[in-house]
């Protein structure tokens, strides 16, 4: 199912397991799944996850397994494992461009449709 709220697309898989929040204006994306893990791609290309990940970049393998583990990519962006609450707080501050209506509260996942 896909629904638009302001400039944000909300997507849910048919089994309801993963919600994805996509900001059409700046390409930021936030995902939460039914095991309560979150991932966030900010508008400049940084990637944050609350769960361990194995990552391959240019055939080189990396692992994010502890909070604070980070990979700096050649373009200057980072991939980092962080606590869920920290990622939610960062998303609340950086998901929207200046002047854009904040329709999602990433701490509570409440959706506020603009009137």
PDB file of N, CA and C in Angstrom:
ATOM      1  N   UNK A   1       0.848  -1.178   0.000  1.00  0.00           N
ATOM      2  CA  UNK A   1       0.000   0.000   0.000  1.00  0.00           C
ATOM      3  C   UNK A   1       0.888   1.234   0.000  1.00  0.00           C
ATOM      4  N   UNK A   2       0.517   2.231  -0.768  1.00  0.00           N
ATOM      5  CA  UNK A   2       1.277   3.483  -0.848  1.00  0.00           C
ATOM      6  C   UNK A   2       0.322   4.646  -0.661  1.00  0.00           C
ATOM      7  N   UNK A   3       0.762   5.607   0.145  1.00  0.00           N
ATOM      8  CA  UNK A   3      -0.058   6.779   0.438  1.00  0.00           C
ATOM      9  C   UNK A   3       0.858   7.992   0.499  1.00  0.00           C
ATOM     10  N   UNK A   4       0.396   9.115  -0.019  1.00  0.00           N
ATOM     11  CA  UNK A   4       1.161  10.357   0.060  1.00  0.00           C
ATOM     12  C   UNK A   4       0.555  11.272   1.105  1.00  0.00           C
ATOM     13  N   UNK A   5       1.429  11.838   1.932  1.00  0.00           N
ATOM     14  CA  UNK A   5       1.030  12.823   2.937  1.00  0.00           C
ATOM     15  C   UNK A   5       1.976  13.999   2.758  1.00  0.00           C
ATOM     16  N   UNK A   6       1.443  15.085   2.237  1.00  0.00           N
ATOM     17  CA  UNK A   6       2.307  16.214   1.904  1.00  0.00           C
ATOM     18  C   UNK A   6       3.307  15.769   0.858  1.00  0.00           C
ATOM     19  N   UNK A   7       4.589  16.003   1.114  1.00  0.00           N
ATOM     20  CA  UNK A   7       5.647  15.596   0.185  1.00  0.00           C
ATOM     21  C   UNK A   7       6.327  14.302   0.623  1.00  0.00           C
ATOM     22  N   UNK A   8       5.642  13.517   1.447  1.00  0.00           N
ATOM     23  CA  UNK A   8       6.188  12.266   1.961  1.00  0.00           C
ATOM     24  C   UNK A   8       5.316  11.110   1.492  1.00  0.00           C
ATOM     25  N   UNK A   9       5.962  10.079   0.947  1.00  0.00           N
ATOM     26  CA  UNK A   9       5.264   8.849   0.574  1.00  0.00           C
ATOM     27  C   UNK A   9       5.428   7.837   1.694  1.00  0.00           C
ATOM     28  N   UNK A  10       4.319   7.206   2.077  1.00  0.00           N
ATOM     29  CA  UNK A  10       4.323   6.151   3.093  1.00  0.00           C
ATOM     30  C   UNK A  10       4.072   4.831   2.370  1.00  0.00           C
ATOM     31  N   UNK A  11       4.917   3.849   2.610  1.00  0.00           N
ATOM     32  CA  UNK A  11       4.781   2.552   1.955  1.00  0.00           C
ATOM     33  C   UNK A  11       4.778   1.453   2.999  1.00  0.00           C
ATOM     34  N   UNK A  12       3.835   0.525   2.849  1.00  0.00           N
ATOM     35  CA  UNK A  12       3.760  -0.631   3.725  1.00  0.00           C
ATOM     36  C   UNK A  12       3.712  -1.874   2.853  1.00  0.00           C
ATOM     37  N   UNK A  13       4.519  -2.867   3.169  1.00  0.00           N
ATOM     38  CA  UNK A  13       4.442  -4.130   2.441  1.00  0.00           C
ATOM     39  C   UNK A  13       3.095  -4.784   2.714  1.00  0.00           C
ATOM     40  N   UNK A  14       2.721  -5.691   1.846  1.00  0.00           N
ATOM     41  CA  UNK A  14       1.402  -6.322   1.970  1.00  0.00           C
ATOM     42  C   UNK A  14       1.226  -7.064   3.288  1.00  0.00           C
ATOM     43  N   UNK A  15       2.317  -7.578   3.855  1.00  0.00           N
ATOM     44  CA  UNK A  15       2.188  -8.265   5.148  1.00  0.00           C
ATOM     45  C   UNK A  15       2.270  -7.298   6.326  1.00  0.00           C
ATOM     46  N   UNK A  16       2.447  -5.999   6.030  1.00  0.00           N
ATOM     47  CA  UNK A  16       2.489  -4.984   7.078  1.00  0.00           C
ATOM     48  C   UNK A  16       3.801  -4.921   7.835  1.00  0.00           C
ATOM     49  N   UNK A  17       4.822  -5.661   7.395  1.00  0.00           N
ATOM     50  CA  UNK A  17       6.057  -5.777   8.176  1.00  0.00           C
ATOM     51  C   UNK A  17       6.974  -4.563   8.113  1.00  0.00           C
ATOM     52  N   UNK A  18       6.969  -3.811   7.038  1.00  0.00           N
ATOM     53  CA  UNK A  18       7.926  -2.703   6.912  1.00  0.00           C
ATOM     54  C   UNK A  18       7.213  -1.441   6.460  1.00  0.00           C
ATOM     55  N   UNK A  19       7.423  -0.390   7.193  1.00  0.00           N
ATOM     56  CA  UNK A  19       6.949   0.928   6.779  1.00  0.00           C
ATOM     57  C   UNK A  19       8.134   1.699   6.251  1.00  0.00           C
ATOM     58  N   UNK A  20       7.967   2.360   5.136  1.00  0.00           N
ATOM     59  CA  UNK A  20       9.009   3.207   4.575  1.00  0.00           C
ATOM     60  C   UNK A  20       8.431   4.605   4.400  1.00  0.00           C
ATOM     61  N   UNK A  21       9.157   5.578   4.874  1.00  0.00           N
ATOM     62  CA  UNK A  21       8.784   6.983   4.739  1.00  0.00           C
ATOM     63  C   UNK A  21       9.779   7.614   3.772  1.00  0.00           C
ATOM     64  N   UNK A  22       9.332   8.052   2.606  1.00  0.00           N
ATOM     65  CA  UNK A  22      10.204   8.654   1.598  1.00  0.00           C
ATOM     66  C   UNK A  22       9.860  10.118   1.413  1.00  0.00           C
ATOM     67  N   UNK A  23      10.854  10.976   1.580  1.00  0.00           N
ATOM     68  CA  UNK A  23      10.675  12.397   1.332  1.00  0.00           C
ATOM     69  C   UNK A  23      10.977  12.651  -0.142  1.00  0.00           C
ATOM     70  N   UNK A  24       9.941  12.948  -0.921  1.00  0.00           N
ATOM     71  CA  UNK A  24      10.105  13.166  -2.357  1.00  0.00           C
ATOM     72  C   UNK A  24      10.934  14.411  -2.668  1.00  0.00           C
ATOM     73  N   UNK A  25      10.957  15.352  -1.764  1.00  0.00           N
ATOM     74  CA  UNK A  25      11.657  16.610  -2.032  1.00  0.00           C
ATOM     75  C   UNK A  25      13.179  16.468  -1.921  1.00  0.00           C
ATOM     76  N   UNK A  26      13.672  15.712  -0.936  1.00  0.00           N
ATOM     77  CA  UNK A  26      15.126  15.655  -0.732  1.00  0.00           C
ATOM     78  C   UNK A  26      15.704  14.239  -0.731  1.00  0.00           C
ATOM     79  N   UNK A  27      14.882  13.234  -1.014  1.00  0.00           N
ATOM     80  CA  UNK A  27      15.302  11.835  -1.105  1.00  0.00           C
ATOM     81  C   UNK A  27      15.708  11.198   0.228  1.00  0.00           C
ATOM     82  N   UNK A  28      15.379  11.799   1.359  1.00  0.00           N
ATOM     83  CA  UNK A  28      15.608  11.137   2.648  1.00  0.00           C
ATOM     84  C   UNK A  28      14.614   9.977   2.758  1.00  0.00           C
ATOM     85  N   UNK A  29      15.039   8.915   3.454  1.00  0.00           N
ATOM     86  CA  UNK A  29      14.189   7.738   3.583  1.00  0.00           C
ATOM     87  C   UNK A  29      14.373   7.116   4.961  1.00  0.00           C
ATOM     88  N   UNK A  30      13.265   6.764   5.602  1.00  0.00           N
ATOM     89  CA  UNK A  30      13.282   6.158   6.935  1.00  0.00           C
ATOM     90  C   UNK A  30      12.468   4.879   6.876  1.00  0.00           C
ATOM     91  N   UNK A  31      13.013   3.789   7.432  1.00  0.00           N
ATOM     92  CA  UNK A  31      12.314   2.514   7.394  1.00  0.00           C
ATOM     93  C   UNK A  31      12.299   1.896   8.784  1.00  0.00           C
ATOM     94  N   UNK A  32      11.157   1.314   9.146  1.00  0.00           N
ATOM     95  CA  UNK A  32      11.036   0.574  10.403  1.00  0.00           C
ATOM     96  C   UNK A  32      10.350  -0.755  10.075  1.00  0.00           C
ATOM     97  N   UNK A  33      10.868  -1.847  10.639  1.00  0.00           N
ATOM     98  CA  UNK A  33      10.241  -3.138  10.357  1.00  0.00           C
ATOM     99  C   UNK A  33       9.589  -3.707  11.608  1.00  0.00           C
ATOM    100  N   UNK A  34       8.945  -4.843  11.474  1.00  0.00           N
ATOM    101  CA  UNK A  34       8.165  -5.388  12.586  1.00  0.00           C
ATOM    102  C   UNK A  34       9.028  -5.915  13.725  1.00  0.00           C
ATOM    103  N   UNK A  35      10.327  -6.044  13.536  1.00  0.00           N
ATOM    104  CA  UNK A  35      11.196  -6.411  14.648  1.00  0.00           C
ATOM    105  C   UNK A  35      11.734  -5.162  15.349  1.00  0.00           C
ATOM    106  N   UNK A  36      11.190  -4.002  14.982  1.00  0.00           N
ATOM    107  CA  UNK A  36      11.488  -2.719  15.624  1.00  0.00           C
ATOM    108  C   UNK A  36      12.867  -2.159  15.285  1.00  0.00           C
ATOM    109  N   UNK A  37      13.496  -2.676  14.243  1.00  0.00           N
ATOM    110  CA  UNK A  37      14.753  -2.106  13.769  1.00  0.00           C
ATOM    111  C   UNK A  37      14.441  -0.940  12.837  1.00  0.00           C
ATOM    112  N   UNK A  38      15.323   0.049  12.817  1.00  0.00           N
ATOM    113  CA  UNK A  38      15.139   1.190  11.919  1.00  0.00           C
ATOM    114  C   UNK A  38      16.388   1.411  11.080  1.00  0.00           C
ATOM    115  N   UNK A  39      16.191   1.973   9.906  1.00  0.00           N
ATOM    116  CA  UNK A  39      17.266   2.415   9.019  1.00  0.00           C
ATOM    117  C   UNK A  39      16.886   3.799   8.526  1.00  0.00           C
ATOM    118  N   UNK A  40      17.882   4.657   8.371  1.00  0.00           N
ATOM    119  CA  UNK A  40      17.623   6.008   7.901  1.00  0.00           C
ATOM    120  C   UNK A  40      18.708   6.421   6.925  1.00  0.00           C
ATOM    121  N   UNK A  41      18.298   6.872   5.758  1.00  0.00           N
ATOM    122  CA  UNK A  41      19.183   7.495   4.770  1.00  0.00           C
ATOM    123  C   UNK A  41      18.852   8.976   4.767  1.00  0.00           C
ATOM    124  N   UNK A  42      19.809   9.813   5.174  1.00  0.00           N
ATOM    125  CA  UNK A  42      19.508  11.243   5.182  1.00  0.00           C
ATOM    126  C   UNK A  42      19.655  11.818   3.779  1.00  0.00           C
ATOM    127  N   UNK A  43      19.358  13.082   3.645  1.00  0.00           N
ATOM    128  CA  UNK A  43      19.296  13.712   2.316  1.00  0.00           C
ATOM    129  C   UNK A  43      20.667  13.884   1.668  1.00  0.00           C
ATOM    130  N   UNK A  44      21.759  13.725   2.414  1.00  0.00           N
ATOM    131  CA  UNK A  44      23.098  13.869   1.833  1.00  0.00           C
ATOM    132  C   UNK A  44      23.796  12.526   1.619  1.00  0.00           C
ATOM    133  N   UNK A  45      23.098  11.411   1.939  1.00  0.00           N
ATOM    134  CA  UNK A  45      23.641  10.095   1.638  1.00  0.00           C
ATOM    135  C   UNK A  45      24.188   9.304   2.801  1.00  0.00           C
ATOM    136  N   UNK A  46      24.124   9.839   4.014  1.00  0.00           N
ATOM    137  CA  UNK A  46      24.548   9.063   5.181  1.00  0.00           C
ATOM    138  C   UNK A  46      23.503   8.001   5.488  1.00  0.00           C
ATOM    139  N   UNK A  47      23.961   6.853   5.990  1.00  0.00           N
ATOM    140  CA  UNK A  47      23.088   5.716   6.286  1.00  0.00           C
ATOM    141  C   UNK A  47      23.254   5.335   7.744  1.00  0.00           C
ATOM    142  N   UNK A  48      22.146   5.213   8.463  1.00  0.00           N
ATOM    143  CA  UNK A  48      22.153   4.821   9.870  1.00  0.00           C
ATOM    144  C   UNK A  48      21.272   3.597  10.059  1.00  0.00           C
ATOM    145  N   UNK A  49      21.719   2.656  10.882  1.00  0.00           N
ATOM    146  CA  UNK A  49      20.945   1.458  11.158  1.00  0.00           C
ATOM    147  C   UNK A  49      21.000   1.143  12.654  1.00  0.00           C
ATOM    148  N   UNK A  50      19.923   0.545  13.162  1.00  0.00           N
ATOM    149  CA  UNK A  50      19.896   0.163  14.570  1.00  0.00           C
ATOM    150  C   UNK A  50      20.209  -1.318  14.764  1.00  0.00           C
ATOM    151  N   UNK A  51      20.477  -2.027  13.677  1.00  0.00           N
ATOM    152  CA  UNK A  51      20.768  -3.457  13.782  1.00  0.00           C
ATOM    153  C   UNK A  51      22.030  -3.793  13.002  1.00  0.00           C
ATOM    154  N   UNK A  52      22.701  -4.869  13.370  1.00  0.00           N
ATOM    155  CA  UNK A  52      23.937  -5.253  12.676  1.00  0.00           C
ATOM    156  C   UNK A  52      23.722  -5.446  11.176  1.00  0.00           C
ATOM    157  N   UNK A  53      24.743  -5.102  10.402  1.00  0.00           N
ATOM    158  CA  UNK A  53      24.685  -5.228   8.948  1.00  0.00           C
ATOM    159  C   UNK A  53      26.039  -5.689   8.417  1.00  0.00           C
ATOM    160  N   UNK A  54      25.990  -6.528   7.402  1.00  0.00           N
ATOM    161  CA  UNK A  54      27.166  -6.870   6.608  1.00  0.00           C
ATOM    162  C   UNK A  54      27.054  -6.078   5.325  1.00  0.00           C
ATOM    163  N   UNK A  55      28.128  -5.387   4.953  1.00  0.00           N
ATOM    164  CA  UNK A  55      28.084  -4.475   3.821  1.00  0.00           C
ATOM    165  C   UNK A  55      29.280  -4.748   2.917  1.00  0.00           C
ATOM    166  N   UNK A  56      29.041  -4.719   1.628  1.00  0.00           N
ATOM    167  CA  UNK A  56      30.111  -4.854   0.651  1.00  0.00           C
ATOM    168  C   UNK A  56      30.164  -3.578  -0.182  1.00  0.00           C
ATOM    169  N   UNK A  57      31.345  -2.965  -0.217  1.00  0.00           N
ATOM    170  CA  UNK A  57      31.558  -1.755  -1.010  1.00  0.00           C
ATOM    171  C   UNK A  57      32.773  -2.011  -1.891  1.00  0.00           C
ATOM    172  N   UNK A  58      32.561  -1.982  -3.192  1.00  0.00           N
ATOM    173  CA  UNK A  58      33.647  -2.249  -4.149  1.00  0.00           C
ATOM    174  C   UNK A  58      34.391  -3.541  -3.817  1.00  0.00           C
ATOM    175  N   UNK A  59      33.638  -4.577  -3.573  1.00  0.00           N
ATOM    176  CA  UNK A  59      34.147  -5.917  -3.281  1.00  0.00           C
ATOM    177  C   UNK A  59      34.897  -6.019  -1.952  1.00  0.00           C
ATOM    178  N   UNK A  60      34.863  -4.981  -1.133  1.00  0.00           N
ATOM    179  CA  UNK A  60      35.457  -5.019   0.199  1.00  0.00           C
ATOM    180  C   UNK A  60      34.318  -5.188   1.201  1.00  0.00           C
ATOM    181  N   UNK A  61      34.498  -6.093   2.161  1.00  0.00           N
ATOM    182  CA  UNK A  61      33.433  -6.428   3.096  1.00  0.00           C
ATOM    183  C   UNK A  61      33.643  -5.741   4.446  1.00  0.00           C
ATOM    184  N   UNK A  62      32.528  -5.250   4.997  1.00  0.00           N
ATOM    185  CA  UNK A  62      32.534  -4.554   6.275  1.00  0.00           C
ATOM    186  C   UNK A  62      31.400  -5.100   7.131  1.00  0.00           C
ATOM    187  N   UNK A  63      31.529  -4.881   8.420  1.00  0.00           N
ATOM    188  CA  UNK A  63      30.473  -5.306   9.327  1.00  0.00           C
ATOM    189  C   UNK A  63      30.203  -4.195  10.337  1.00  0.00           C
ATOM    190  N   UNK A  64      28.915  -3.866  10.479  1.00  0.00           N
ATOM    191  CA  UNK A  64      28.473  -2.973  11.551  1.00  0.00           C
ATOM    192  C   UNK A  64      27.815  -3.883  12.576  1.00  0.00           C
ATOM    193  N   UNK A  65      28.460  -4.086  13.727  1.00  0.00           N
ATOM    194  CA  UNK A  65      27.882  -5.014  14.696  1.00  0.00           C
ATOM    195  C   UNK A  65      27.702  -4.424  16.084  1.00  0.00           C
ATOM    196  N   UNK A  66      28.326  -3.295  16.361  1.00  0.00           N
ATOM    197  CA  UNK A  66      28.185  -2.636  17.663  1.00  0.00           C
ATOM    198  C   UNK A  66      27.793  -1.182  17.456  1.00  0.00           C
ATOM    199  N   UNK A  67      27.029  -0.632  18.399  1.00  0.00           N
ATOM    200  CA  UNK A  67      26.690   0.788  18.324  1.00  0.00           C
ATOM    201  C   UNK A  67      27.975   1.603  18.235  1.00  0.00           C
ATOM    202  N   UNK A  68      28.003   2.522  17.302  1.00  0.00           N
ATOM    203  CA  UNK A  68      29.180   3.351  17.080  1.00  0.00           C
ATOM    204  C   UNK A  68      30.078   2.865  15.959  1.00  0.00           C
ATOM    205  N   UNK A  69      29.915   1.601  15.533  1.00  0.00           N
ATOM    206  CA  UNK A  69      30.686   1.120  14.386  1.00  0.00           C
ATOM    207  C   UNK A  69      30.307   1.950  13.171  1.00  0.00           C
ATOM    208  N   UNK A  70      31.321   2.393  12.417  1.00  0.00           N
ATOM    209  CA  UNK A  70      31.052   3.270  11.274  1.00  0.00           C
ATOM    210  C   UNK A  70      31.986   2.956  10.123  1.00  0.00           C
ATOM    211  N   UNK A  71      31.516   3.250   8.941  1.00  0.00           N
ATOM    212  CA  UNK A  71      32.294   3.125   7.723  1.00  0.00           C
ATOM    213  C   UNK A  71      32.229   4.476   7.024  1.00  0.00           C
ATOM    214  N   UNK A  72      33.382   5.033   6.698  1.00  0.00           N
ATOM    215  CA  UNK A  72      33.414   6.267   5.915  1.00  0.00           C
ATOM    216  C   UNK A  72      33.636   5.871   4.461  1.00  0.00           C
ATOM    217  N   UNK A  73      32.698   6.268   3.619  1.00  0.00           N
ATOM    218  CA  UNK A  73      32.791   5.934   2.200  1.00  0.00           C
ATOM    219  C   UNK A  73      33.661   6.958   1.474  1.00  0.00           C
ATOM    220  N   UNK A  74      34.104   6.615   0.294  1.00  0.00           N
ATOM    221  CA  UNK A  74      35.025   7.479  -0.457  1.00  0.00           C
ATOM    222  C   UNK A  74      34.402   8.831  -0.817  1.00  0.00           C
ATOM    223  N   UNK A  75      33.067   8.906  -0.860  1.00  0.00           N
ATOM    224  CA  UNK A  75      32.411  10.185  -1.172  1.00  0.00           C
ATOM    225  C   UNK A  75      32.221  11.068   0.061  1.00  0.00           C
ATOM    226  N   UNK A  76      32.719  10.602   1.218  1.00  0.00           N
ATOM    227  CA  UNK A  76      32.629  11.388   2.456  1.00  0.00           C
ATOM    228  C   UNK A  76      31.421  11.075   3.309  1.00  0.00           C
ATOM    229  N   UNK A  77      30.472  10.300   2.787  1.00  0.00           N
ATOM    230  CA  UNK A  77      29.304   9.924   3.588  1.00  0.00           C
ATOM    231  C   UNK A  77      29.674   8.768   4.505  1.00  0.00           C
ATOM    232  N   UNK A  78      28.805   8.526   5.487  1.00  0.00           N
ATOM    233  CA  UNK A  78      29.068   7.476   6.468  1.00  0.00           C
ATOM    234  C   UNK A  78      27.936   6.484   6.556  1.00  0.00           C
ATOM    235  N   UNK A  79      28.292   5.290   6.964  1.00  0.00           N
ATOM    236  CA  UNK A  79      27.331   4.264   7.349  1.00  0.00           C
ATOM    237  C   UNK A  79      27.657   3.968   8.804  1.00  0.00           C
ATOM    238  N   UNK A  80      26.642   3.993   9.669  1.00  0.00           N
ATOM    239  CA  UNK A  80      26.902   3.851  11.094  1.00  0.00           C
ATOM    240  C   UNK A  80      25.777   3.079  11.784  1.00  0.00           C
ATOM    241  N   UNK A  81      26.153   2.292  12.783  1.00  0.00           N
ATOM    242  CA  UNK A  81      25.160   1.605  13.603  1.00  0.00           C
ATOM    243  C   UNK A  81      24.956   2.420  14.878  1.00  0.00           C
ATOM    244  N   UNK A  82      23.694   2.748  15.149  1.00  0.00           N
ATOM    245  CA  UNK A  82      23.351   3.600  16.291  1.00  0.00           C
ATOM    246  C   UNK A  82      22.125   3.051  17.000  1.00  0.00           C
ATOM    247  N   UNK A  83      21.905   3.549  18.200  1.00  0.00           N
ATOM    248  CA  UNK A  83      20.680   3.192  18.924  1.00  0.00           C
ATOM    249  C   UNK A  83      19.468   3.721  18.162  1.00  0.00           C
ATOM    250  N   UNK A  84      18.391   2.960  18.200  1.00  0.00           N
ATOM    251  CA  UNK A  84      17.157   3.333  17.501  1.00  0.00           C
ATOM    252  C   UNK A  84      16.709   4.737  17.879  1.00  0.00           C
ATOM    253  N   UNK A  85      16.722   5.044  19.169  1.00  0.00           N
ATOM    254  CA  UNK A  85      16.244   6.343  19.646  1.00  0.00           C
ATOM    255  C   UNK A  85      17.087   7.490  19.093  1.00  0.00           C
ATOM    256  N   UNK A  86      18.389   7.264  18.939  1.00  0.00           N
ATOM    257  CA  UNK A  86      19.263   8.299  18.380  1.00  0.00           C
ATOM    258  C   UNK A  86      18.955   8.529  16.901  1.00  0.00           C
ATOM    259  N   UNK A  87      18.700   7.439  16.173  1.00  0.00           N
ATOM    260  CA  UNK A  87      18.352   7.561  14.758  1.00  0.00           C
ATOM    261  C   UNK A  87      17.021   8.294  14.609  1.00  0.00           C
ATOM    262  N   UNK A  88      16.052   7.954  15.455  1.00  0.00           N
ATOM    263  CA  UNK A  88      14.750   8.634  15.395  1.00  0.00           C
ATOM    264  C   UNK A  88      14.907  10.125  15.652  1.00  0.00           C
ATOM    265  N   UNK A  89      15.738  10.485  16.620  1.00  0.00           N
ATOM    266  CA  UNK A  89      15.960  11.890  16.944  1.00  0.00           C
ATOM    267  C   UNK A  89      16.620  12.619  15.770  1.00  0.00           C
ATOM    268  N   UNK A  90      17.613  12.001  15.159  1.00  0.00           N
ATOM    269  CA  UNK A  90      18.275  12.600  13.992  1.00  0.00           C
ATOM    270  C   UNK A  90      17.284  12.759  12.843  1.00  0.00           C
ATOM    271  N   UNK A  91      16.457  11.739  12.607  1.00  0.00           N
ATOM    272  CA  UNK A  91      15.456  11.820  11.528  1.00  0.00           C
ATOM    273  C   UNK A  91      14.480  12.962  11.778  1.00  0.00           C
ATOM    274  N   UNK A  92      14.056  13.138  13.018  1.00  0.00           N
ATOM    275  CA  UNK A  92      13.139  14.246  13.326  1.00  0.00           C
ATOM    276  C   UNK A  92      13.757  15.590  12.971  1.00  0.00           C
ATOM    277  N   UNK A  93      15.077  15.698  13.083  1.00  0.00           N
ATOM    278  CA  UNK A  93      15.759  16.972  12.837  1.00  0.00           C
ATOM    279  C   UNK A  93      16.198  17.161  11.395  1.00  0.00           C
ATOM    280  N   UNK A  94      16.385  16.061  10.634  1.00  0.00           N
ATOM    281  CA  UNK A  94      17.013  16.205   9.321  1.00  0.00           C
ATOM    282  C   UNK A  94      16.210  15.629   8.150  1.00  0.00           C
ATOM    283  N   UNK A  95      15.090  14.974   8.391  1.00  0.00           N
ATOM    284  CA  UNK A  95      14.312  14.352   7.323  1.00  0.00           C
ATOM    285  C   UNK A  95      13.695  15.383   6.382  1.00  0.00           C
ATOM    286  N   UNK A  96      13.371  16.545   6.900  1.00  0.00           N
ATOM    287  CA  UNK A  96      12.675  17.571   6.123  1.00  0.00           C
ATOM    288  C   UNK A  96      13.623  18.692   5.722  1.00  0.00           C
ATOM    289  N   UNK A  97      13.372  19.258   4.543  1.00  0.00           N
ATOM    290  CA  UNK A  97      14.078  20.466   4.129  1.00  0.00           C
ATOM    291  C   UNK A  97      13.490  21.661   4.875  1.00  0.00           C
ATOM    292  N   UNK A  98      14.238  22.753   4.907  1.00  0.00           N
ATOM    293  CA  UNK A  98      13.759  23.969   5.548  1.00  0.00           C
ATOM    294  C   UNK A  98      12.462  24.419   4.890  1.00  0.00           C
ATOM    295  N   UNK A  99      11.476  24.726   5.709  1.00  0.00           N
ATOM    296  CA  UNK A  99      10.185  25.181   5.217  1.00  0.00           C
ATOM    297  C   UNK A  99       9.222  24.064   4.862  1.00  0.00           C
ATOM    298  N   UNK A 100       9.691  22.840   4.876  1.00  0.00           N
ATOM    299  CA  UNK A 100       8.828  21.703   4.549  1.00  0.00           C
ATOM    300  C   UNK A 100       7.986  21.328   5.772  1.00  0.00           C
ATOM    301  N   UNK A 101       6.717  20.989   5.550  1.00  0.00           N
ATOM    302  CA  UNK A 101       5.804  20.622   6.636  1.00  0.00           C
ATOM    303  C   UNK A 101       6.215  19.271   7.217  1.00  0.00           C
ATOM    304  N   UNK A 102       6.351  19.225   8.539  1.00  0.00           N
ATOM    305  CA  UNK A 102       6.731  17.989   9.243  1.00  0.00           C
ATOM    306  C   UNK A 102       5.471  17.155   9.472  1.00  0.00           C
ATOM    307  N   UNK A 103       5.276  16.129   8.651  1.00  0.00           N
ATOM    308  CA  UNK A 103       4.062  15.327   8.746  1.00  0.00           C
ATOM    309  C   UNK A 103       4.252  14.036   9.540  1.00  0.00           C
ATOM    310  N   UNK A 104       5.507  13.633   9.810  1.00  0.00           N
ATOM    311  CA  UNK A 104       5.797  12.421  10.572  1.00  0.00           C
ATOM    312  C   UNK A 104       6.607  12.803  11.798  1.00  0.00           C
ATOM    313  N   UNK A 105       6.207  12.298  12.951  1.00  0.00           N
ATOM    314  CA  UNK A 105       7.023  12.404  14.154  1.00  0.00           C
ATOM    315  C   UNK A 105       7.715  11.056  14.299  1.00  0.00           C
ATOM    316  N   UNK A 106       9.026  11.009  14.070  1.00  0.00           N
ATOM    317  CA  UNK A 106       9.740   9.742  14.077  1.00  0.00           C
ATOM    318  C   UNK A 106       9.966   9.164  15.468  1.00  0.00           C
ATOM    319  N   UNK A 107       9.670   9.925  16.513  1.00  0.00           N
ATOM    320  CA  UNK A 107       9.753   9.380  17.875  1.00  0.00           C
ATOM    321  C   UNK A 107       8.501   8.570  18.210  1.00  0.00           C
ATOM    322  N   UNK A 108       7.353   9.008  17.692  1.00  0.00           N
ATOM    323  CA  UNK A 108       6.088   8.335  18.002  1.00  0.00           C
ATOM    324  C   UNK A 108       5.476   7.647  16.777  1.00  0.00           C
ATOM    325  N   UNK A 109       5.982   7.967  15.592  1.00  0.00           N
ATOM    326  CA  UNK A 109       5.458   7.487  14.308  1.00  0.00           C
ATOM    327  C   UNK A 109       4.038   7.977  14.030  1.00  0.00           C
ATOM    328  N   UNK A 110       3.648   9.066  14.682  1.00  0.00           N
ATOM    329  CA  UNK A 110       2.372   9.689  14.381  1.00  0.00           C
ATOM    330  C   UNK A 110       2.470  10.418  13.048  1.00  0.00           C
ATOM    331  N   UNK A 111       1.423  10.272  12.240  1.00  0.00           N
ATOM    332  CA  UNK A 111       1.329  10.950  10.953  1.00  0.00           C
ATOM    333  C   UNK A 111       0.321  12.075  11.097  1.00  0.00           C
ATOM    334  N   UNK A 112       0.751  13.295  10.815  1.00  0.00           N
ATOM    335  CA  UNK A 112      -0.121  14.461  10.903  1.00  0.00           C
ATOM    336  C   UNK A 112      -0.385  14.979   9.499  1.00  0.00           C
ATOM    337  N   UNK A 113      -1.567  14.696   8.995  1.00  0.00           N
ATOM    338  CA  UNK A 113      -1.897  15.119   7.632  1.00  0.00           C
ATOM    339  C   UNK A 113      -2.155  16.620   7.615  1.00  0.00           C
ATOM    340  N   UNK A 114      -1.523  17.324   6.656  1.00  0.00           N
ATOM    341  CA  UNK A 114      -1.759  18.776   6.547  1.00  0.00           C
ATOM    342  C   UNK A 114      -3.204  19.055   6.159  1.00  0.00           C
ATOM    343  N   UNK A 115      -3.707  20.172   6.655  1.00  0.00           N
ATOM    344  CA  UNK A 115      -5.108  20.550   6.381  1.00  0.00           C
ATOM    345  C   UNK A 115      -5.183  21.470   5.208  1.00  0.00           C
TER     346      UNK A 115
END
